[in-house]
Amino acid sequence: MKLCSNCQTTFEAAELLQMDARRIPYVNEFDAIGAFDVLEHIQEDEAVLASMFQALKAGGGIAITVPQHPWLWSAADDQACHVRRYKVGELRQKVQRVGFKLAFETSFVSLLLPAMLASRLGKQRKKADEADLSELRLPSWLNAVFETTMNLERLLIRAGLRFGLGGSRLLIATKEKTP
């Protein structure tokens, strides 16, 4: 475990540490842990979830986002060194298997799923070293349209709508307090 020196200048008041997420060296220490687009990079994702469970205080929680739907796999996933895109229900099952209680989950990047699918179907899958990442290079006007769409989606989720399909998954779970 080491201090994350390049992060320290940005967050002077915080102590930032870099560690192996599969073996977090804390027990009952944290109120909350966030892993945003992390688990899909780690083969042993259940070990990470178990380590998070151990590191949380009773009553604490996790917030996780992951890419979902293996059928959306593209050169962008290869380039990002993903080892998986999660199937519907897969993350929930793994989180519950290590002891967490599900509090909330939804897909997101749902309203843009047709555009995402069209982009990926229009290209043949290439090796990571030959990756065509043009789907990540957008004209500013189109990026603004997509950003507005994502803002609308966030408002819909806050209003209580849950999406079953989308490019990503958000899951929140808790470590129950023992009586």
Foldseek 3Di string as FASTA:
>chain_A
DAFPVVCCVVVVPDTDDDDDLLAPPAAQADQEEEAEANLQQDPPSLSSLLNVLRRHHAFHKYKYKHFADQVLDALVCQLVNGPDHHYQPRVVVSNVVSAWAWDDKAAAQVVVVVVSVVVRVVDDHDHNVPGDPVVVVDDPVVVVVSVVVRVVRVVVVVVPDGHRDHRMMITMTGRHDDD
